[in-house]
Amino acid sequence: MRRRCEAGGKKFQINSGHAYDRAHKGGDVRDSGLSRDQIENAIVHDLLTQQDLSTIPRVPRYVDKVVEVEGYAVGYRVNTLPNGTVNIGTYFPG
C-alpha cells in the first residue's frame, strides 16, 4: 500500500505497506504502539522542518534519517522521484 499526501506545497508518497505492515531486521514498528498515521505524520513533519527538500537525492540514491515519535526512534529512507514527489520508501525501528 502506498499513501500519498501534500504538505508544505510538496507531494509525498509513503510505502506504508512495506514499512508498517511487516517486521524489519531491526524489529517491528508496530511493537512501539504507535499508529501508522502517527509515524507517517512525524516523518513528513520532520522532512518539512529539518530538511531542504531540494537536497534529497533522486532515485536510485537515497538518504537514511531518524525521527523521534513519542520517545521512539523511527528510521526512514527517503529520495525524490523523477516527478518531484518526495518518496519515503520504508521506515523501521531506529
C-alpha atoms as a PDB file:
ATOM      1  CA  MET A   1       0.000   0.000   0.000  1.00  0.00           C
ATOM      2  CA  ARG A   2       1.299   3.426  -0.951  1.00  0.00           C
ATOM      3  CA  ARG A   3      -0.152   6.509   0.689  1.00  0.00           C
ATOM      4  CA  ARG A   4       0.097   9.974  -0.812  1.00  0.00           C
ATOM      5  CA  CYS A   5      -0.311  13.418   0.688  1.00  0.00           C
ATOM      6  CA  GLU A   6       0.559  17.051   0.085  1.00  0.00           C
ATOM      7  CA  ALA A   7       2.076  19.252   2.758  1.00  0.00           C
ATOM      8  CA  GLY A   8       4.041  22.470   2.638  1.00  0.00           C
ATOM      9  CA  GLY A   9       3.477  22.696  -1.101  1.00  0.00           C
ATOM     10  CA  LYS A  10       5.202  19.348  -1.733  1.00  0.00           C
ATOM     11  CA  LYS A  11       3.871  15.941  -2.693  1.00  0.00           C
ATOM     12  CA  PHE A  12       4.829  12.944  -0.574  1.00  0.00           C
ATOM     13  CA  GLN A  13       4.492   9.215  -1.206  1.00  0.00           C
ATOM     14  CA  ILE A  14       4.938   6.720   1.628  1.00  0.00           C
ATOM     15  CA  ASN A  15       5.353   2.993   1.090  1.00  0.00           C
ATOM     16  CA  SER A  16       3.182   2.159   4.103  1.00  0.00           C
ATOM     17  CA  GLY A  17       2.603  -1.474   3.240  1.00  0.00           C
ATOM     18  CA  HIS A  18       6.289  -2.316   3.232  1.00  0.00           C
ATOM     19  CA  ALA A  19       7.119  -0.052   6.158  1.00  0.00           C
ATOM     20  CA  TYR A  20       4.370  -0.567   8.718  1.00  0.00           C
ATOM     21  CA  ASP A  21       2.867  -3.923   7.834  1.00  0.00           C
ATOM     22  CA  ARG A  22       5.961  -6.077   8.235  1.00  0.00           C
ATOM     23  CA  ALA A  23       8.841  -6.637  10.591  1.00  0.00           C
ATOM     24  CA  HIS A  24      12.303  -5.419   9.602  1.00  0.00           C
ATOM     25  CA  LYS A  25      15.769  -6.667  10.501  1.00  0.00           C
ATOM     26  CA  GLY A  26      15.881  -4.265  13.459  1.00  0.00           C
ATOM     27  CA  GLY A  27      12.380  -5.055  14.706  1.00  0.00           C
ATOM     28  CA  ASP A  28       8.778  -4.130  14.076  1.00  0.00           C
ATOM     29  CA  VAL A  29       7.486  -0.553  14.414  1.00  0.00           C
ATOM     30  CA  ARG A  30       4.078  -1.926  15.417  1.00  0.00           C
ATOM     31  CA  ASP A  31       5.699  -3.025  18.699  1.00  0.00           C
ATOM     32  CA  SER A  32       6.064   0.692  19.544  1.00  0.00           C
ATOM     33  CA  GLY A  33       2.302   1.046  19.992  1.00  0.00           C
ATOM     34  CA  LEU A  34       2.348   3.957  17.532  1.00  0.00           C
ATOM     35  CA  SER A  35      -0.174   4.088  14.715  1.00  0.00           C
ATOM     36  CA  ARG A  36       0.734   4.274  11.046  1.00  0.00           C
ATOM     37  CA  ASP A  37      -0.641   7.846  10.975  1.00  0.00           C
ATOM     38  CA  GLN A  38       1.436   8.957  13.970  1.00  0.00           C
ATOM     39  CA  ILE A  39       4.642   7.663  12.401  1.00  0.00           C
ATOM     40  CA  GLU A  40       3.983   8.920   8.898  1.00  0.00           C
ATOM     41  CA  ASN A  41       2.838  12.360  10.055  1.00  0.00           C
ATOM     42  CA  ALA A  42       6.019  12.672  12.130  1.00  0.00           C
ATOM     43  CA  ILE A  43       8.196  11.718   9.138  1.00  0.00           C
ATOM     44  CA  VAL A  44       6.552  14.295   6.858  1.00  0.00           C
ATOM     45  CA  HIS A  45       6.795  16.940   9.587  1.00  0.00           C
ATOM     46  CA  ASP A  46      10.472  16.073  10.122  1.00  0.00           C
ATOM     47  CA  LEU A  47      11.205  16.485   6.428  1.00  0.00           C
ATOM     48  CA  LEU A  48       9.365  19.791   6.203  1.00  0.00           C
ATOM     49  CA  THR A  49      11.076  21.288   9.254  1.00  0.00           C
ATOM     50  CA  GLN A  50      14.558  19.755   9.189  1.00  0.00           C
ATOM     51  CA  GLN A  51      15.467  19.299   5.533  1.00  0.00           C
ATOM     52  CA  ASP A  52      15.862  21.486   2.465  1.00  0.00           C
ATOM     53  CA  LEU A  53      13.787  19.188   0.278  1.00  0.00           C
ATOM     54  CA  SER A  54      15.765  20.178  -2.823  1.00  0.00           C
ATOM     55  CA  THR A  55      18.796  18.372  -1.352  1.00  0.00           C
ATOM     56  CA  ILE A  56      17.075  14.980  -1.111  1.00  0.00           C
ATOM     57  CA  PRO A  57      18.724  12.700  -3.689  1.00  0.00           C
ATOM     58  CA  ARG A  58      16.865  11.412  -6.731  1.00  0.00           C
ATOM     59  CA  VAL A  59      16.195   7.701  -7.220  1.00  0.00           C
ATOM     60  CA  PRO A  60      18.013   5.354  -7.191  1.00  0.00           C
ATOM     61  CA  ARG A  61      20.045   7.160  -4.492  1.00  0.00           C
ATOM     62  CA  TYR A  62      18.532   7.789  -1.057  1.00  0.00           C
ATOM     63  CA  VAL A  63      19.366   9.086   2.396  1.00  0.00           C
ATOM     64  CA  ASP A  64      18.536   7.446   5.732  1.00  0.00           C
ATOM     65  CA  LYS A  65      17.202   9.684   8.508  1.00  0.00           C
ATOM     66  CA  VAL A  66      15.804   9.187  12.032  1.00  0.00           C
ATOM     67  CA  VAL A  67      12.880  10.921  13.721  1.00  0.00           C
ATOM     68  CA  GLU A  68      11.705  10.536  17.304  1.00  0.00           C
ATOM     69  CA  VAL A  69       7.986   9.855  17.710  1.00  0.00           C
ATOM     70  CA  GLU A  70       6.750   9.991  21.314  1.00  0.00           C
ATOM     71  CA  GLY A  71      10.120   8.772  22.582  1.00  0.00           C
ATOM     72  CA  TYR A  72      10.511   6.022  19.956  1.00  0.00           C
ATOM     73  CA  ALA A  73      13.195   6.345  17.281  1.00  0.00           C
ATOM     74  CA  VAL A  74      11.980   5.627  13.758  1.00  0.00           C
ATOM     75  CA  GLY A  75      14.464   5.367  10.904  1.00  0.00           C
ATOM     76  CA  TYR A  76      13.329   6.089   7.381  1.00  0.00           C
ATOM     77  CA  ARG A  77      14.723   6.058   3.855  1.00  0.00           C
ATOM     78  CA  VAL A  78      13.900   8.986   1.563  1.00  0.00           C
ATOM     79  CA  ASN A  79      14.543  10.036  -2.020  1.00  0.00           C
ATOM     80  CA  THR A  80      12.912  12.099  -4.753  1.00  0.00           C
ATOM     81  CA  LEU A  81      11.044  10.554  -7.669  1.00  0.00           C
ATOM     82  CA  PRO A  82      11.548  11.885 -11.223  1.00  0.00           C
ATOM     83  CA  ASN A  83       8.234  13.800 -10.978  1.00  0.00           C
ATOM     84  CA  GLY A  84       9.480  15.663  -7.855  1.00  0.00           C
ATOM     85  CA  THR A  85       7.455  13.685  -5.315  1.00  0.00           C
ATOM     86  CA  VAL A  86       9.302  13.036  -2.060  1.00  0.00           C
ATOM     87  CA  ASN A  87       9.303   9.268  -1.586  1.00  0.00           C
ATOM     88  CA  ILE A  88       9.599   7.562   1.789  1.00  0.00           C
ATOM     89  CA  GLY A  89      10.441   4.062   0.635  1.00  0.00           C
ATOM     90  CA  THR A  90      10.421   2.446   4.062  1.00  0.00           C
ATOM     91  CA  TYR A  91      10.625   3.125   7.772  1.00  0.00           C
ATOM     92  CA  PHE A  92      11.776   0.917  10.605  1.00  0.00           C
ATOM     93  CA  PRO A  93      12.809   0.936  14.277  1.00  0.00           C
ATOM     94  CA  GLY A  94      15.638   3.446  14.515  1.00  0.00           C
END
